[in-house]
Amino acid sequence: DLLKRIVESKPASGYERVVYAGYLENEEYLKRSEEGIPYHKEVVEWFENHCNEMGIVCNLR
């Protein structure tokens, strides 16, 4: 109940919302659990280039 009250509190002027330690990390964990972990564009390009060189089908996008 306390954590729920904290999150539902009115934020201070200049802030969008109130959070507590670990809240944002948990949001990111839940998002990545659903959507997966995003790859950096350069990493995807590296894999695609190496797969193409070896004749391996690579569909990361």
Protein backbone atom coordinates (compact mmCIF):
# COMPACT_ATOMS: atom_id res chain seq x y z
CA ASP A 1 0.00 0.00 0.00
CA LEU A 2 2.79 2.42 0.83
CA LEU A 3 4.53 2.00 -2.54
CA LYS A 4 1.21 2.44 -4.35
CA ARG A 5 0.59 5.66 -2.41
CA ILE A 6 4.07 6.91 -3.31
CA VAL A 7 3.53 6.30 -7.04
CA GLU A 8 0.08 7.89 -6.94
CA SER A 9 1.34 10.99 -5.10
CA LYS A 10 1.24 14.37 -6.81
CA PRO A 11 4.70 15.14 -8.20
CA ALA A 12 6.67 18.21 -7.19
CA SER A 13 6.66 21.18 -9.54
CA GLY A 14 8.75 20.46 -12.61
CA TYR A 15 8.44 16.67 -12.37
CA GLU A 16 6.14 14.31 -14.26
CA ARG A 17 5.68 11.64 -11.61
CA VAL A 18 6.84 10.23 -8.29
CA VAL A 19 8.84 7.00 -8.21
CA TYR A 20 10.89 5.10 -5.65
CA ALA A 21 14.21 3.24 -5.80
CA GLY A 22 14.01 0.36 -8.27
CA TYR A 23 10.70 1.45 -9.81
CA LEU A 24 12.14 2.58 -13.16
CA GLU A 25 14.33 -0.51 -13.36
CA ASN A 26 11.29 -2.71 -12.80
CA GLU A 27 9.39 -0.87 -15.55
CA GLU A 28 12.28 -1.52 -17.93
CA TYR A 29 12.42 -5.19 -16.87
CA LEU A 30 8.72 -5.64 -17.60
CA LYS A 31 9.01 -3.86 -20.96
CA ARG A 32 11.98 -5.99 -22.04
CA SER A 33 10.26 -9.16 -20.83
CA GLU A 34 7.44 -8.39 -23.27
CA GLU A 35 9.34 -6.80 -26.17
CA GLY A 36 12.80 -8.32 -25.82
CA ILE A 37 16.13 -6.58 -25.42
CA PRO A 38 16.83 -4.07 -28.19
CA TYR A 39 20.02 -4.43 -30.20
CA HIS A 40 22.10 -1.40 -31.15
CA LYS A 41 21.87 -0.59 -34.87
CA GLU A 42 25.61 -1.14 -35.38
CA VAL A 43 25.46 -4.58 -33.74
CA VAL A 44 22.63 -5.65 -36.06
CA GLU A 45 24.57 -4.39 -39.08
CA TRP A 46 27.68 -6.28 -37.93
CA PHE A 47 25.73 -9.54 -37.61
CA GLU A 48 24.06 -9.03 -40.98
CA ASN A 49 27.38 -8.36 -42.72
CA HIS A 50 29.05 -11.42 -41.22
CA CYS A 51 26.06 -13.65 -41.95
CA ASN A 52 26.01 -12.44 -45.57
CA GLU A 53 29.73 -13.18 -45.91
CA MET A 54 29.14 -16.75 -44.72
CA GLY A 55 25.94 -17.26 -46.70
CA ILE A 56 23.78 -17.52 -43.58
CA VAL A 57 20.22 -16.18 -43.58
CA CYS A 58 20.04 -13.48 -40.92
CA ASN A 59 16.71 -11.84 -40.06
CA LEU A 60 17.25 -9.62 -37.02
CA ARG A 61 14.99 -6.75 -38.05
